[in-house]
Protein backbone atom coordinates (compact mmCIF):
# COMPACT_ATOMS: atom_id res chain seq x y z
CA ARG A 1 -20.81 14.78 -32.67
CA THR A 2 -20.99 11.00 -32.37
CA ASP A 3 -17.20 10.84 -32.09
CA SER A 4 -17.29 13.36 -29.23
CA ALA A 5 -19.93 11.33 -27.37
CA ASP A 6 -17.92 8.15 -27.95
CA ASP A 7 -14.81 9.91 -26.72
CA GLN A 8 -16.61 11.06 -23.61
CA LYS A 9 -17.90 7.55 -23.03
CA VAL A 10 -14.40 6.12 -23.45
CA ALA A 11 -12.97 8.74 -21.10
CA MET A 12 -15.64 7.95 -18.49
CA GLU A 13 -14.98 4.22 -18.82
CA THR A 14 -11.26 4.86 -18.38
CA GLU A 15 -11.93 6.99 -15.30
CA LEU A 16 -14.13 4.24 -13.84
CA GLN A 17 -11.43 1.66 -14.47
CA VAL A 18 -8.86 3.91 -12.78
CA ALA A 19 -11.20 4.34 -9.81
CA VAL A 20 -11.57 0.56 -9.56
CA LEU A 21 -7.79 0.19 -9.63
CA LYS A 22 -7.41 2.83 -6.92
CA SER A 23 -9.99 1.00 -4.81
CA ARG A 24 -8.12 -2.25 -5.21
CA LEU A 25 -4.85 -0.55 -4.33
CA GLY A 26 -6.51 0.79 -1.20
CA ARG A 27 -7.57 -2.71 -0.23
CA TYR A 28 -4.06 -3.98 -0.77
CA GLN A 29 -2.72 -1.16 1.37
CA ASP A 30 -5.23 -2.02 4.09
CA ALA A 31 -4.10 -5.64 3.95
CA GLY A 32 -0.48 -4.48 4.25
CA GLU A 33 -1.37 -2.36 7.28
CA LYS A 34 -3.12 -5.35 8.87
CA LEU A 35 0.04 -7.38 8.31
CA ALA A 36 2.08 -4.63 9.98
CA VAL A 37 -0.31 -4.65 12.99
CA GLU A 38 0.01 -8.42 13.17
CA GLY A 39 3.79 -8.00 13.13
CA PHE A 40 3.59 -5.61 16.07
CA LYS A 41 1.33 -8.06 17.91
CA LEU A 42 3.88 -10.81 17.31
CA ALA A 43 6.64 -8.54 18.59
CA ASP A 44 4.61 -7.80 21.74
CA GLU A 45 3.94 -11.48 22.24
CA LEU A 46 7.62 -12.22 21.79
CA ALA A 47 8.48 -9.52 24.32
CA LYS A 48 6.03 -11.07 26.82
CA GLN A 49 7.51 -14.49 26.19
CA LYS A 50 10.99 -13.05 26.67
CA LEU A 51 9.95 -11.65 30.04
CA THR A 52 8.53 -15.04 31.00
CA LEU A 53 11.78 -16.70 29.96
CA GLN A 54 13.74 -14.27 32.11
CA ASP A 55 11.54 -15.08 35.14
CA ILE A 56 12.14 -18.78 34.60
CA ASN A 57 15.85 -18.08 34.25
CA GLU A 58 15.94 -16.27 37.61
CA PHE A 59 14.10 -19.10 39.32
CA LEU A 60 16.45 -21.70 37.86
CA THR A 61 19.48 -19.61 38.77
CA ASN A 62 18.33 -19.41 42.40
CA GLU A 63 17.48 -23.12 42.53
CA LEU A 64 20.23 -24.56 40.39
CA LYS A 65 23.32 -22.35 40.28
CA ALA A 66 25.25 -25.11 38.55
CA ARG A 67 22.97 -24.71 35.45
CA SER A 68 23.71 -21.01 34.89
CA VAL A 69 25.91 -21.61 31.82
CA ALA A 70 23.10 -23.44 29.98
CA THR A 71 20.58 -20.76 30.95
CA THR A 72 22.88 -17.98 29.68
CA GLN A 73 23.22 -19.78 26.34
CA LEU A 74 19.43 -20.00 26.06
CA GLU A 75 19.05 -16.26 26.72
CA GLU A 76 21.61 -15.46 24.02
CA ARG A 77 19.70 -17.66 21.62
CA VAL A 78 16.43 -15.83 22.40
CA LEU A 79 18.13 -12.51 21.62
CA GLU A 80 19.54 -13.89 18.39
CA LEU A 81 16.13 -15.22 17.31
CA THR A 82 14.49 -11.94 18.23
CA LYS A 83 16.99 -10.05 16.09
CA GLN A 84 16.50 -12.48 13.21
CA MET A 85 12.73 -12.13 13.45
CA GLN A 86 12.97 -8.33 13.53
CA ASP A 87 15.27 -8.39 10.51
CA VAL A 88 12.87 -10.60 8.58
CA GLN A 89 9.88 -8.47 9.60
CA ARG A 90 11.71 -5.29 8.60
CA ASP A 91 12.58 -6.85 5.24
CA ALA A 92 8.98 -8.00 4.71
CA GLN A 93 7.60 -4.57 5.61
CA GLY A 94 10.11 -2.93 3.30
CA GLU A 95 9.08 -5.27 0.50
CA VAL A 96 5.38 -4.50 1.05
CA ALA A 97 6.11 -0.75 1.04
CA ARG A 98 8.22 -1.06 -2.10
CA VAL A 99 5.52 -3.06 -3.89
CA ARG A 100 2.88 -0.50 -2.91
CA SER A 101 5.05 2.37 -4.08
CA GLU A 102 5.84 0.69 -7.39
CA ALA A 103 2.21 -0.17 -7.98
CA ALA A 104 1.05 3.37 -7.18
CA ALA A 105 3.71 4.86 -9.47
CA GLN A 106 2.81 2.48 -12.27
CA VAL A 107 -0.91 3.17 -11.90
CA GLU A 108 -0.24 6.91 -11.83
CA ALA A 109 1.96 6.68 -14.92
CA ALA A 110 -0.68 4.62 -16.71
CA GLU A 111 -3.37 7.15 -15.77
CA GLY A 112 -1.20 9.99 -17.04
CA ARG A 113 -0.56 8.20 -20.30
CA ALA A 114 -4.26 7.45 -20.71
CA ASP A 115 -5.18 11.10 -20.11
CA ARG A 116 -2.58 12.41 -22.57
CA LEU A 117 -3.62 9.92 -25.23
CA ALA A 118 -7.30 10.70 -24.75
CA GLN A 119 -6.63 14.41 -25.33
CA GLN A 120 -4.30 13.89 -28.29
CA LEU A 121 -6.17 11.20 -30.16
CA GLU A 122 -9.84 12.09 -29.81
CA GLY A 123 -11.96 10.12 -32.23
CA ASN A 124 -8.93 8.48 -33.80
CA ALA A 125 -8.62 4.73 -34.33
CA GLU A 126 -5.13 4.94 -32.90
CA PHE A 127 -6.66 6.13 -29.63
CA LEU A 128 -8.68 2.93 -29.39
CA GLU A 129 -5.54 0.84 -29.93
CA LYS A 130 -3.63 2.80 -27.28
CA ARG A 131 -6.54 2.48 -24.88
CA ASP A 132 -6.57 -1.30 -25.34
CA GLN A 133 -2.81 -1.37 -24.77
CA LEU A 134 -3.15 0.69 -21.57
CA GLU A 135 -5.92 -1.55 -20.30
CA SER A 136 -3.70 -4.53 -20.95
CA GLU A 137 -0.85 -2.86 -19.06
CA LEU A 138 -3.19 -2.09 -16.15
CA ARG A 139 -4.30 -5.73 -16.02
CA SER A 140 -0.67 -6.78 -16.08
CA LEU A 141 0.13 -4.37 -13.26
CA GLN A 142 -2.77 -5.75 -11.25
CA GLU A 143 -1.50 -9.28 -11.75
CA GLN A 144 2.03 -8.26 -10.76
CA LEU A 145 0.72 -6.50 -7.66
CA ALA A 146 -1.29 -9.57 -6.67
CA ALA A 147 1.75 -11.81 -7.17
CA LYS A 148 3.99 -9.52 -5.12
CA HIS A 149 1.39 -9.30 -2.38
CA LYS A 150 1.10 -13.09 -2.32
CA GLU A 151 4.90 -13.36 -2.12
CA ALA A 152 5.01 -10.96 0.82
CA ASP A 153 2.27 -12.99 2.55
CA GLN A 154 4.27 -16.18 2.00
CA LYS A 155 7.41 -14.58 3.47
CA LEU A 156 5.49 -13.50 6.56
CA GLY A 157 3.96 -16.99 6.88
CA ASP A 158 7.38 -18.59 6.60
CA LEU A 159 8.71 -16.23 9.26
CA GLU A 160 5.87 -17.11 11.62
CA ARG A 161 6.41 -20.84 11.09
CA ARG A 162 10.15 -20.53 11.69
CA HIS A 163 9.55 -18.48 14.79
CA LEU A 164 7.06 -21.02 16.17
CA GLN A 165 9.45 -23.89 15.40
CA GLU A 166 12.33 -22.13 17.15
CA LYS A 167 10.07 -21.23 20.06
CA GLU A 168 8.94 -24.88 20.42
CA LYS A 169 12.52 -26.09 20.20
CA MET A 170 13.58 -23.56 22.84
CA ARG A 171 10.69 -24.61 25.08
CA GLN A 172 11.67 -28.27 24.73
CA GLU A 173 15.29 -27.45 25.53
CA MET A 174 14.23 -25.43 28.56
CA SER A 175 11.99 -28.30 29.70
CA ALA A 176 14.88 -30.71 29.30
CA LYS A 177 17.16 -28.39 31.30
CA ILE A 178 14.56 -28.08 34.06
CA ARG A 179 14.19 -31.87 34.25
CA GLU A 180 17.93 -32.24 34.59
């Protein structure tokens, strides 16, 4: 009778731990979605900036026809940078999705293993050892998920910095062309 109560307690603790892990996974997914929204905002901002660049290009073309070759080169560069940024964003989003999928599969597999072991090893000392092992694996998975999430955040940060640097460089080049 005591073993059954202990087993129920252990099963409830395991279920609570799984619920906590699911909650954390949900938060990570929310953070990933926020990153995706930010990516779309950046794409919209880039599109607006591209339109502004085109307006400037038309003005310069009307005013300074001799500078059309330089302006065309700048437009090509904007398209190239846009494509590079989209490629990097797509890669980053793919990485976030892959990490989420892996983490969910690993959590699900760990839950399944915990359930099977709980049913097979009720009251057995081996069950306690397996439970400790599974808890260790879950902690390891949490750490891996946090590291992968941090890596994805760093990639997005690097992309934003590169984009801002290229944008500033392009703006300086355009200013130099206008002064000429």
